[in-house]
Amino acid sequence: MRALAIVVALGVVAGEVRADPAPDASVGVAVTPIAPQPSLLKPERRHPLYLRLGVAFVKPLSSSNELQLADVDGPASLAVMDGPIAGSGATVSGATIPALIVGVVLPWLHDRLSLETVLGTPFTVKFRATGTLANQSIAPTALGIPTGVPALGPELGEATAAPPVLTAVYQLIDHGRFRPYAGLGFAMLIATDAKMTNPILTAVSQPKFTVDPAPGLALQAGLDVRLSKLFYARLDVKFIALMDAHATAEHIQVATPNIPAFGTVEVGTAKMDVMVNPLIVQAALGFDFW
């Protein structure tokens, strides 16, 4: 009986040993896996609306073709003719304006995609003559007789401009303090209240001056810097490519002081295409909402 009890006791001990998993002899201590930080795996949730208010510097990188004369008739045909004025050109002035960027975050691509527009105050665009249009008379002689029409000088005209811009913006980094982005979109130059301001071209009468709406392709890049949870600073750069502004001056009349028989002469119509291509640099501060 005593032997039987010893056998039973050994069996119980052996069962307990088999019930416990054998420790890994190669590892001396237990290892607890470290859970990855959620902020490094998932993008931070963006608020659906944001505003950035600041100052925008608008610098047209302008060029033009030669000014074209058309509808030349009567006495004016003795001094000028239809077609381009060789060596003539024009440029467009820039401006510095307050501007507000309004953005709406779209529910795609992990909140990285948004639509933005820029709301700026209208500003005055000045058209300036270059080359022979500025420093030579547009009608120097008629039948070999000097007309006395002087060179125009640099001033041509002006208009009130509003350049609305709409871009789709993709945030390249979706977490952290510094958030660069890139965008692509559409822009339009809308000019109103256009008028000639050149003293030679307006001495007799005010020509009709118009500037057609000019569409363009908007290329955008910039950086948002988070200053607090919802407060940001921004540096934004846009380049508007392929923006061709077509300007027309109709019923231009000039005085011919050296030919009293002519008195005043209607030159006709002047047309010019100016590639505006503005570069827009904006520094701004603003908030994310909701």
C-alpha atoms as a PDB file:
ATOM      1  CA  MET A   1       0.000   0.000   0.000  1.00  0.00           C
ATOM      2  CA  ARG A   2       2.801   2.349   0.828  1.00  0.00           C
ATOM      3  CA  ALA A   3       4.339   1.754  -2.585  1.00  0.00           C
ATOM      4  CA  LEU A   4       1.030   2.425  -4.303  1.00  0.00           C
ATOM      5  CA  ALA A   5       0.695   5.799  -2.538  1.00  0.00           C
ATOM      6  CA  ILE A   6       4.157   6.828  -3.681  1.00  0.00           C
ATOM      7  CA  VAL A   7       3.273   6.002  -7.322  1.00  0.00           C
ATOM      8  CA  VAL A   8       0.036   8.037  -7.155  1.00  0.00           C
ATOM      9  CA  ALA A   9       1.865  11.030  -5.686  1.00  0.00           C
ATOM     10  CA  LEU A  10       4.476  10.977  -8.443  1.00  0.00           C
ATOM     11  CA  GLY A  11       1.703  10.898 -11.072  1.00  0.00           C
ATOM     12  CA  VAL A  12       0.045  13.993  -9.642  1.00  0.00           C
ATOM     13  CA  VAL A  13       3.314  15.909  -9.633  1.00  0.00           C
ATOM     14  CA  ALA A  14       4.038  14.910 -13.230  1.00  0.00           C
ATOM     15  CA  GLY A  15       0.546  16.107 -14.335  1.00  0.00           C
ATOM     16  CA  GLU A  16       1.072  19.512 -12.775  1.00  0.00           C
ATOM     17  CA  VAL A  17       4.386  19.860 -14.551  1.00  0.00           C
ATOM     18  CA  ARG A  18       2.796  19.023 -17.904  1.00  0.00           C
ATOM     19  CA  ALA A  19      -0.052  21.508 -17.313  1.00  0.00           C
ATOM     20  CA  ASP A  20       2.313  24.493 -17.145  1.00  0.00           C
ATOM     21  CA  PRO A  21       3.996  25.636 -20.406  1.00  0.00           C
ATOM     22  CA  ALA A  22       7.687  25.221 -20.446  1.00  0.00           C
ATOM     23  CA  PRO A  23       9.562  28.505 -20.329  1.00  0.00           C
ATOM     24  CA  ASP A  24      11.706  29.489 -23.302  1.00  0.00           C
ATOM     25  CA  ALA A  25      15.186  28.587 -22.237  1.00  0.00           C
ATOM     26  CA  SER A  26      16.638  31.071 -24.754  1.00  0.00           C
ATOM     27  CA  VAL A  27      14.959  34.127 -23.164  1.00  0.00           C
ATOM     28  CA  GLY A  28      15.850  35.076 -19.688  1.00  0.00           C
ATOM     29  CA  VAL A  29      13.131  37.722 -19.169  1.00  0.00           C
ATOM     30  CA  ALA A  30       9.585  38.210 -20.383  1.00  0.00           C
ATOM     31  CA  VAL A  31       9.211  40.737 -23.242  1.00  0.00           C
ATOM     32  CA  THR A  32       6.155  42.991 -23.414  1.00  0.00           C
ATOM     33  CA  PRO A  33       5.503  44.390 -26.933  1.00  0.00           C
ATOM     34  CA  ILE A  34       5.342  48.205 -27.137  1.00  0.00           C
ATOM     35  CA  ALA A  35       2.204  49.452 -28.863  1.00  0.00           C
ATOM     36  CA  PRO A  36       2.902  51.898 -31.702  1.00  0.00           C
ATOM     37  CA  GLN A  37       1.841  55.477 -31.122  1.00  0.00           C
ATOM     38  CA  PRO A  38      -1.508  56.154 -32.888  1.00  0.00           C
ATOM     39  CA  SER A  39      -0.352  59.652 -33.961  1.00  0.00           C
ATOM     40  CA  LEU A  40       2.397  58.077 -36.076  1.00  0.00           C
ATOM     41  CA  LEU A  41       0.015  55.717 -37.863  1.00  0.00           C
ATOM     42  CA  LYS A  42      -3.087  57.788 -38.426  1.00  0.00           C
ATOM     43  CA  PRO A  43      -3.303  61.328 -39.824  1.00  0.00           C
ATOM     44  CA  GLU A  44      -4.601  63.991 -37.500  1.00  0.00           C
ATOM     45  CA  ARG A  45      -8.224  64.792 -38.131  1.00  0.00           C
ATOM     46  CA  ARG A  46      -8.538  68.168 -39.872  1.00  0.00           C
ATOM     47  CA  HIS A  47     -11.290  70.665 -39.250  1.00  0.00           C
ATOM     48  CA  PRO A  48     -13.521  71.157 -42.315  1.00  0.00           C
ATOM     49  CA  LEU A  49     -13.102  74.945 -42.698  1.00  0.00           C
ATOM     50  CA  TYR A  50     -10.041  77.188 -42.433  1.00  0.00           C
ATOM     51  CA  LEU A  51      -9.272  80.865 -43.009  1.00  0.00           C
ATOM     52  CA  ARG A  52      -5.926  82.589 -43.575  1.00  0.00           C
ATOM     53  CA  LEU A  53      -5.883  86.403 -43.622  1.00  0.00           C
ATOM     54  CA  GLY A  54      -2.839  88.351 -44.724  1.00  0.00           C
ATOM     55  CA  VAL A  55      -1.171  90.503 -47.352  1.00  0.00           C
ATOM     56  CA  ALA A  56      -0.679  89.414 -50.964  1.00  0.00           C
ATOM     57  CA  PHE A  57       1.979  90.818 -53.277  1.00  0.00           C
ATOM     58  CA  VAL A  58       0.886  90.562 -56.923  1.00  0.00           C
ATOM     59  CA  LYS A  59       3.699  90.854 -59.466  1.00  0.00           C
ATOM     60  CA  PRO A  60       2.774  90.329 -63.139  1.00  0.00           C
ATOM     61  CA  LEU A  61       5.586  88.721 -65.132  1.00  0.00           C
ATOM     62  CA  SER A  62       4.165  90.372 -68.219  1.00  0.00           C
ATOM     63  CA  SER A  63       5.116  90.518 -71.861  1.00  0.00           C
ATOM     64  CA  SER A  64       3.186  91.392 -74.994  1.00  0.00           C
ATOM     65  CA  ASN A  65       3.043  91.199 -78.736  1.00  0.00           C
ATOM     66  CA  GLU A  66       3.317  94.326 -80.854  1.00  0.00           C
ATOM     67  CA  LEU A  67       0.420  96.763 -80.843  1.00  0.00           C
ATOM     68  CA  GLN A  68      -1.806  96.254 -83.875  1.00  0.00           C
ATOM     69  CA  LEU A  69      -3.598  99.102 -85.642  1.00  0.00           C
ATOM     70  CA  ALA A  70      -6.879  98.422 -87.442  1.00  0.00           C
ATOM     71  CA  ASP A  71      -9.636 100.370 -89.208  1.00  0.00           C
ATOM     72  CA  VAL A  72      -7.199 103.091 -90.295  1.00  0.00           C
ATOM     73  CA  ASP A  73      -9.021 105.305 -92.811  1.00  0.00           C
ATOM     74  CA  GLY A  74      -9.189 108.850 -94.195  1.00  0.00           C
ATOM     75  CA  PRO A  75      -6.343 111.291 -93.504  1.00  0.00           C
ATOM     76  CA  ALA A  76      -4.856 108.919 -90.916  1.00  0.00           C
ATOM     77  CA  SER A  77      -3.975 106.492 -93.718  1.00  0.00           C
ATOM     78  CA  LEU A  78      -1.457 109.071 -94.957  1.00  0.00           C
ATOM     79  CA  ALA A  79       0.554 108.661 -91.743  1.00  0.00           C
ATOM     80  CA  VAL A  80      -0.140 105.138 -90.464  1.00  0.00           C
ATOM     81  CA  MET A  81      -1.511 101.886 -91.798  1.00  0.00           C
ATOM     82  CA  ASP A  82      -3.200  98.761 -90.513  1.00  0.00           C
ATOM     83  CA  GLY A  83      -0.857  96.261 -88.898  1.00  0.00           C
ATOM     84  CA  PRO A  84       1.703  96.085 -86.099  1.00  0.00           C
ATOM     85  CA  ILE A  85       3.814  98.975 -84.883  1.00  0.00           C
ATOM     86  CA  ALA A  86       7.327  97.546 -85.021  1.00  0.00           C
ATOM     87  CA  GLY A  87       9.112  97.373 -81.669  1.00  0.00           C
ATOM     88  CA  SER A  88       6.040  98.339 -79.633  1.00  0.00           C
ATOM     89  CA  GLY A  89       4.923  96.591 -76.448  1.00  0.00           C
ATOM     90  CA  ALA A  90       3.175  96.932 -73.119  1.00  0.00           C
ATOM     91  CA  THR A  91       3.413  95.734 -69.532  1.00  0.00           C
ATOM     92  CA  VAL A  92       1.050  95.574 -66.547  1.00  0.00           C
ATOM     93  CA  SER A  93       1.777  96.933 -63.074  1.00  0.00           C
ATOM     94  CA  GLY A  94       1.548  94.970 -59.821  1.00  0.00           C
ATOM     95  CA  ALA A  95      -0.066  95.679 -56.452  1.00  0.00           C
ATOM     96  CA  THR A  96       0.002  94.788 -52.753  1.00  0.00           C
ATOM     97  CA  ILE A  97      -3.435  94.037 -51.305  1.00  0.00           C
ATOM     98  CA  PRO A  98      -5.092  92.458 -48.243  1.00  0.00           C
ATOM     99  CA  ALA A  99      -6.349  88.979 -49.120  1.00  0.00           C
ATOM    100  CA  LEU A 100      -8.282  86.188 -47.406  1.00  0.00           C
ATOM    101  CA  ILE A 101      -7.775  82.499 -48.189  1.00  0.00           C
ATOM    102  CA  VAL A 102     -10.878  80.364 -47.555  1.00  0.00           C
ATOM    103  CA  GLY A 103     -10.431  76.586 -47.583  1.00  0.00           C
ATOM    104  CA  VAL A 104     -12.840  73.645 -47.290  1.00  0.00           C
ATOM    105  CA  VAL A 105     -11.438  70.208 -46.468  1.00  0.00           C
ATOM    106  CA  LEU A 106     -12.855  67.408 -48.636  1.00  0.00           C
ATOM    107  CA  PRO A 107     -13.671  63.988 -47.104  1.00  0.00           C
ATOM    108  CA  TRP A 108     -11.228  62.064 -49.294  1.00  0.00           C
ATOM    109  CA  LEU A 109      -7.574  61.024 -49.207  1.00  0.00           C
ATOM    110  CA  HIS A 110      -7.512  61.028 -45.391  1.00  0.00           C
ATOM    111  CA  ASP A 111      -8.489  64.731 -45.233  1.00  0.00           C
ATOM    112  CA  ARG A 112      -5.414  65.768 -47.194  1.00  0.00           C
ATOM    113  CA  LEU A 113      -7.381  67.325 -50.081  1.00  0.00           C
ATOM    114  CA  SER A 114      -9.129  70.698 -49.913  1.00  0.00           C
ATOM    115  CA  LEU A 115     -10.544  73.434 -52.127  1.00  0.00           C
ATOM    116  CA  GLU A 116      -9.267  76.990 -51.690  1.00  0.00           C
ATOM    117  CA  THR A 117     -10.184  80.395 -53.013  1.00  0.00           C
ATOM    118  CA  VAL A 118      -8.622  83.819 -52.493  1.00  0.00           C
ATOM    119  CA  LEU A 119     -10.800  86.827 -51.731  1.00  0.00           C
ATOM    120  CA  GLY A 120      -8.895  90.051 -52.286  1.00  0.00           C
ATOM    121  CA  THR A 121      -9.833  93.688 -52.566  1.00  0.00           C
ATOM    122  CA  PRO A 122     -10.033  94.952 -56.172  1.00  0.00           C
ATOM    123  CA  PHE A 123      -6.956  96.893 -57.203  1.00  0.00           C
ATOM    124  CA  THR A 124      -5.878  99.203 -60.017  1.00  0.00           C
ATOM    125  CA  VAL A 125      -3.891  97.692 -62.865  1.00  0.00           C
ATOM    126  CA  LYS A 126      -1.905 100.151 -64.957  1.00  0.00           C
ATOM    127  CA  PHE A 127      -1.029  99.403 -68.576  1.00  0.00           C
ATOM    128  CA  ARG A 128       2.311 100.902 -69.589  1.00  0.00           C
ATOM    129  CA  ALA A 129       3.814 101.345 -73.047  1.00  0.00           C
ATOM    130  CA  THR A 130       7.268 100.001 -73.843  1.00  0.00           C
ATOM    131  CA  GLY A 131       9.622 100.156 -76.809  1.00  0.00           C
ATOM    132  CA  THR A 132       8.703 102.298 -79.793  1.00  0.00           C
ATOM    133  CA  LEU A 133       5.153 102.739 -78.498  1.00  0.00           C
ATOM    134  CA  ALA A 134       6.556 104.792 -75.615  1.00  0.00           C
ATOM    135  CA  ASN A 135       9.489 106.615 -77.207  1.00  0.00           C
ATOM    136  CA  GLN A 136       8.421 107.223 -80.830  1.00  0.00           C
ATOM    137  CA  SER A 137       5.441 108.958 -82.414  1.00  0.00           C
ATOM    138  CA  ILE A 138       2.729 106.594 -83.675  1.00  0.00           C
ATOM    139  CA  ALA A 139       2.260 108.970 -86.676  1.00  0.00           C
ATOM    140  CA  PRO A 140       5.525 110.872 -87.217  1.00  0.00           C
ATOM    141  CA  THR A 141       4.870 112.084 -90.794  1.00  0.00           C
ATOM    142  CA  ALA A 142       2.106 112.382 -93.387  1.00  0.00           C
ATOM    143  CA  LEU A 143       3.180 112.637 -97.027  1.00  0.00           C
ATOM    144  CA  GLY A 144       6.677 113.369 -95.733  1.00  0.00           C
ATOM    145  CA  ILE A 145       5.520 116.273 -93.560  1.00  0.00           C
ATOM    146  CA  PRO A 146       6.127 116.001 -89.789  1.00  0.00           C
ATOM    147  CA  THR A 147       2.766 115.774 -88.038  1.00  0.00           C
ATOM    148  CA  GLY A 148       3.900 117.060 -84.666  1.00  0.00           C
ATOM    149  CA  VAL A 149       2.299 114.076 -82.894  1.00  0.00           C
ATOM    150  CA  PRO A 150       4.674 113.421 -79.972  1.00  0.00           C
ATOM    151  CA  ALA A 151       5.748 110.113 -78.501  1.00  0.00           C
ATOM    152  CA  LEU A 152       3.179 108.651 -76.109  1.00  0.00           C
ATOM    153  CA  GLY A 153       5.465 108.086 -73.141  1.00  0.00           C
ATOM    154  CA  PRO A 154       4.999 105.145 -70.735  1.00  0.00           C
ATOM    155  CA  GLU A 155       1.433 105.774 -69.589  1.00  0.00           C
ATOM    156  CA  LEU A 156      -1.379 104.024 -71.502  1.00  0.00           C
ATOM    157  CA  GLY A 157      -4.419 103.255 -69.368  1.00  0.00           C
ATOM    158  CA  GLU A 158      -5.749 101.592 -66.274  1.00  0.00           C
ATOM    159  CA  ALA A 159      -8.501  99.263 -65.054  1.00  0.00           C
ATOM    160  CA  THR A 160      -9.870  97.878 -61.807  1.00  0.00           C
ATOM    161  CA  ALA A 161      -8.895  94.218 -61.528  1.00  0.00           C
ATOM    162  CA  ALA A 162     -10.280  91.322 -59.502  1.00  0.00           C
ATOM    163  CA  PRO A 163      -8.421  88.046 -60.015  1.00  0.00           C
ATOM    164  CA  PRO A 164     -10.510  85.190 -58.493  1.00  0.00           C
ATOM    165  CA  VAL A 165      -8.550  81.959 -57.970  1.00  0.00           C
ATOM    166  CA  LEU A 166      -9.832  78.439 -57.193  1.00  0.00           C
ATOM    167  CA  THR A 167      -7.372  75.622 -56.480  1.00  0.00           C
ATOM    168  CA  ALA A 168      -7.415  72.013 -55.308  1.00  0.00           C
ATOM    169  CA  VAL A 169      -4.751  71.701 -52.587  1.00  0.00           C
ATOM    170  CA  TYR A 170      -3.071  68.483 -51.418  1.00  0.00           C
ATOM    171  CA  GLN A 171      -1.362  68.426 -48.021  1.00  0.00           C
ATOM    172  CA  LEU A 172       1.938  66.577 -48.459  1.00  0.00           C
ATOM    173  CA  ILE A 173       2.406  65.843 -44.720  1.00  0.00           C
ATOM    174  CA  ASP A 174      -0.657  65.185 -42.542  1.00  0.00           C
ATOM    175  CA  HIS A 175       0.875  65.459 -39.072  1.00  0.00           C
ATOM    176  CA  GLY A 176       3.429  67.527 -37.236  1.00  0.00           C
ATOM    177  CA  ARG A 177       4.010  71.242 -36.920  1.00  0.00           C
ATOM    178  CA  PHE A 178       5.160  71.940 -40.493  1.00  0.00           C
ATOM    179  CA  ARG A 179       2.726  71.027 -43.277  1.00  0.00           C
ATOM    180  CA  PRO A 180       3.810  71.710 -46.858  1.00  0.00           C
ATOM    181  CA  TYR A 181       1.231  71.538 -49.630  1.00  0.00           C
ATOM    182  CA  ALA A 182       0.859  71.849 -53.402  1.00  0.00           C
ATOM    183  CA  GLY A 183      -2.111  72.886 -55.506  1.00  0.00           C
ATOM    184  CA  LEU A 184      -3.474  73.229 -59.019  1.00  0.00           C
ATOM    185  CA  GLY A 185      -6.451  75.192 -60.241  1.00  0.00           C
ATOM    186  CA  PHE A 186      -8.025  77.963 -62.295  1.00  0.00           C
ATOM    187  CA  ALA A 187      -7.759  81.758 -62.229  1.00  0.00           C
ATOM    188  CA  MET A 188      -9.448  84.595 -64.074  1.00  0.00           C
ATOM    189  CA  LEU A 189      -8.491  88.232 -64.556  1.00  0.00           C
ATOM    190  CA  ILE A 190     -11.651  90.350 -64.605  1.00  0.00           C
ATOM    191  CA  ALA A 191     -11.041  94.016 -65.442  1.00  0.00           C
ATOM    192  CA  THR A 192     -13.701  96.708 -65.066  1.00  0.00           C
ATOM    193  CA  ASP A 193     -13.801 100.506 -65.395  1.00  0.00           C
ATOM    194  CA  ALA A 194     -11.032 100.425 -68.004  1.00  0.00           C
ATOM    195  CA  LYS A 195     -10.013 103.825 -69.372  1.00  0.00           C
ATOM    196  CA  MET A 196      -7.215 105.416 -71.347  1.00  0.00           C
ATOM    197  CA  THR A 197      -5.087 107.806 -69.295  1.00  0.00           C
ATOM    198  CA  ASN A 198      -2.402 108.784 -71.805  1.00  0.00           C
ATOM    199  CA  PRO A 199      -2.490 112.599 -72.270  1.00  0.00           C
ATOM    200  CA  ILE A 200      -1.740 112.373 -76.029  1.00  0.00           C
ATOM    201  CA  LEU A 201      -4.485 109.813 -76.707  1.00  0.00           C
ATOM    202  CA  THR A 202      -7.085 111.613 -74.567  1.00  0.00           C
ATOM    203  CA  ALA A 203      -6.330 115.228 -75.577  1.00  0.00           C
ATOM    204  CA  VAL A 204      -9.025 115.289 -78.281  1.00  0.00           C
ATOM    205  CA  SER A 205     -11.521 112.741 -76.932  1.00  0.00           C
ATOM    206  CA  GLN A 206     -11.706 109.737 -74.632  1.00  0.00           C
ATOM    207  CA  PRO A 207     -11.191 106.500 -76.589  1.00  0.00           C
ATOM    208  CA  LYS A 208     -13.215 103.440 -75.633  1.00  0.00           C
ATOM    209  CA  PHE A 209     -10.850 101.122 -73.746  1.00  0.00           C
ATOM    210  CA  THR A 210     -11.784  97.529 -72.884  1.00  0.00           C
ATOM    211  CA  VAL A 211      -9.936  94.536 -71.416  1.00  0.00           C
ATOM    212  CA  ASP A 212     -11.434  91.090 -72.034  1.00  0.00           C
ATOM    213  CA  PRO A 213     -11.624  88.526 -69.198  1.00  0.00           C
ATOM    214  CA  ALA A 214      -8.423  86.472 -69.181  1.00  0.00           C
ATOM    215  CA  PRO A 215      -8.373  82.879 -67.845  1.00  0.00           C
ATOM    216  CA  GLY A 216      -5.217  81.230 -66.535  1.00  0.00           C
ATOM    217  CA  LEU A 217      -3.797  78.062 -64.984  1.00  0.00           C
ATOM    218  CA  ALA A 218      -2.989  78.424 -61.261  1.00  0.00           C
ATOM    219  CA  LEU A 219       0.045  76.582 -59.832  1.00  0.00           C
ATOM    220  CA  GLN A 220       0.363  76.709 -56.040  1.00  0.00           C
ATOM    221  CA  ALA A 221       2.802  75.714 -53.284  1.00  0.00           C
ATOM    222  CA  GLY A 222       3.213  76.744 -49.680  1.00  0.00           C
ATOM    223  CA  LEU A 223       3.681  75.903 -46.035  1.00  0.00           C
ATOM    224  CA  ASP A 224       1.338  75.942 -43.038  1.00  0.00           C
ATOM    225  CA  VAL A 225       3.072  76.216 -39.638  1.00  0.00           C
ATOM    226  CA  ARG A 226       0.962  75.255 -36.621  1.00  0.00           C
ATOM    227  CA  LEU A 227       1.431  77.788 -33.821  1.00  0.00           C
ATOM    228  CA  SER A 228      -1.196  76.242 -31.517  1.00  0.00           C
ATOM    229  CA  LYS A 229      -3.933  73.636 -31.807  1.00  0.00           C
ATOM    230  CA  LEU A 230      -6.038  75.635 -34.268  1.00  0.00           C
ATOM    231  CA  PHE A 231      -3.856  78.675 -35.068  1.00  0.00           C
ATOM    232  CA  TYR A 232      -1.571  78.681 -38.134  1.00  0.00           C
ATOM    233  CA  ALA A 233       0.871  80.860 -40.017  1.00  0.00           C
ATOM    234  CA  ARG A 234       1.112  80.444 -43.779  1.00  0.00           C
ATOM    235  CA  LEU A 235       3.423  81.345 -46.640  1.00  0.00           C
ATOM    236  CA  ASP A 236       1.672  80.802 -49.972  1.00  0.00           C
ATOM    237  CA  VAL A 237       2.978  81.188 -53.536  1.00  0.00           C
ATOM    238  CA  LYS A 238       0.861  81.052 -56.686  1.00  0.00           C
ATOM    239  CA  PHE A 239       1.899  81.444 -60.308  1.00  0.00           C
ATOM    240  CA  ILE A 240      -0.830  82.071 -62.867  1.00  0.00           C
ATOM    241  CA  ALA A 241       0.306  80.764 -66.253  1.00  0.00           C
ATOM    242  CA  LEU A 242      -1.198  81.252 -69.724  1.00  0.00           C
ATOM    243  CA  MET A 243      -3.122  84.399 -68.695  1.00  0.00           C
ATOM    244  CA  ASP A 244      -3.468  86.410 -71.924  1.00  0.00           C
ATOM    245  CA  ALA A 245      -5.274  89.752 -71.532  1.00  0.00           C
ATOM    246  CA  HIS A 246      -6.655  91.178 -74.770  1.00  0.00           C
ATOM    247  CA  ALA A 247      -6.953  95.003 -74.632  1.00  0.00           C
ATOM    248  CA  THR A 248      -8.653  97.196 -77.238  1.00  0.00           C
ATOM    249  CA  ALA A 249      -8.754 100.982 -77.673  1.00  0.00           C
ATOM    250  CA  GLU A 250     -11.337 102.224 -80.199  1.00  0.00           C
ATOM    251  CA  HIS A 251     -11.884 105.620 -81.847  1.00  0.00           C
ATOM    252  CA  ILE A 252      -8.444 107.028 -81.061  1.00  0.00           C
ATOM    253  CA  GLN A 253      -8.106 110.655 -82.163  1.00  0.00           C
ATOM    254  CA  VAL A 254      -4.925 112.705 -82.076  1.00  0.00           C
ATOM    255  CA  ALA A 255      -4.106 116.320 -82.889  1.00  0.00           C
ATOM    256  CA  THR A 256      -1.652 117.123 -85.721  1.00  0.00           C
ATOM    257  CA  PRO A 257      -0.289 120.553 -84.731  1.00  0.00           C
ATOM    258  CA  ASN A 258       2.149 120.761 -87.659  1.00  0.00           C
ATOM    259  CA  ILE A 259      -0.568 120.094 -90.272  1.00  0.00           C
ATOM    260  CA  PRO A 260      -3.378 122.589 -89.559  1.00  0.00           C
ATOM    261  CA  ALA A 261      -5.366 121.305 -92.523  1.00  0.00           C
ATOM    262  CA  PHE A 262      -5.851 117.992 -90.734  1.00  0.00           C
ATOM    263  CA  GLY A 263      -6.599 119.445 -87.296  1.00  0.00           C
ATOM    264  CA  THR A 264      -7.424 116.191 -85.579  1.00  0.00           C
ATOM    265  CA  VAL A 265      -7.205 112.730 -87.092  1.00  0.00           C
ATOM    266  CA  GLU A 266      -8.953 109.526 -86.034  1.00  0.00           C
ATOM    267  CA  VAL A 267      -6.277 106.838 -86.026  1.00  0.00           C
ATOM    268  CA  GLY A 268      -8.732 103.956 -85.692  1.00  0.00           C
ATOM    269  CA  THR A 269      -8.471 100.975 -83.360  1.00  0.00           C
ATOM    270  CA  ALA A 270      -5.458  99.681 -81.425  1.00  0.00           C
ATOM    271  CA  LYS A 271      -5.309  96.072 -80.171  1.00  0.00           C
ATOM    272  CA  MET A 272      -2.793  94.319 -77.980  1.00  0.00           C
ATOM    273  CA  ASP A 273      -2.416  90.955 -76.230  1.00  0.00           C
ATOM    274  CA  VAL A 274      -0.563  91.134 -72.910  1.00  0.00           C
ATOM    275  CA  MET A 275       0.600  87.942 -71.216  1.00  0.00           C
ATOM    276  CA  VAL A 276       0.009  88.926 -67.592  1.00  0.00           C
ATOM    277  CA  ASN A 277       1.199  85.731 -65.780  1.00  0.00           C
ATOM    278  CA  PRO A 278       1.092  87.133 -62.226  1.00  0.00           C
ATOM    279  CA  LEU A 279       3.181  85.772 -59.363  1.00  0.00           C
ATOM    280  CA  ILE A 280       1.216  86.029 -56.089  1.00  0.00           C
ATOM    281  CA  VAL A 281       3.077  85.735 -52.769  1.00  0.00           C
ATOM    282  CA  GLN A 282       1.005  85.860 -49.586  1.00  0.00           C
ATOM    283  CA  ALA A 283       1.908  85.797 -45.881  1.00  0.00           C
ATOM    284  CA  ALA A 284      -1.039  85.127 -43.603  1.00  0.00           C
ATOM    285  CA  LEU A 285      -2.324  84.015 -40.191  1.00  0.00           C
ATOM    286  CA  GLY A 286      -5.527  82.134 -39.510  1.00  0.00           C
ATOM    287  CA  PHE A 287      -7.612  79.472 -37.797  1.00  0.00           C
ATOM    288  CA  ASP A 288      -9.133  76.079 -38.467  1.00  0.00           C
ATOM    289  CA  PHE A 289     -12.831  75.828 -37.523  1.00  0.00           C
ATOM    290  CA  TRP A 290     -15.273  73.157 -36.299  1.00  0.00           C
END
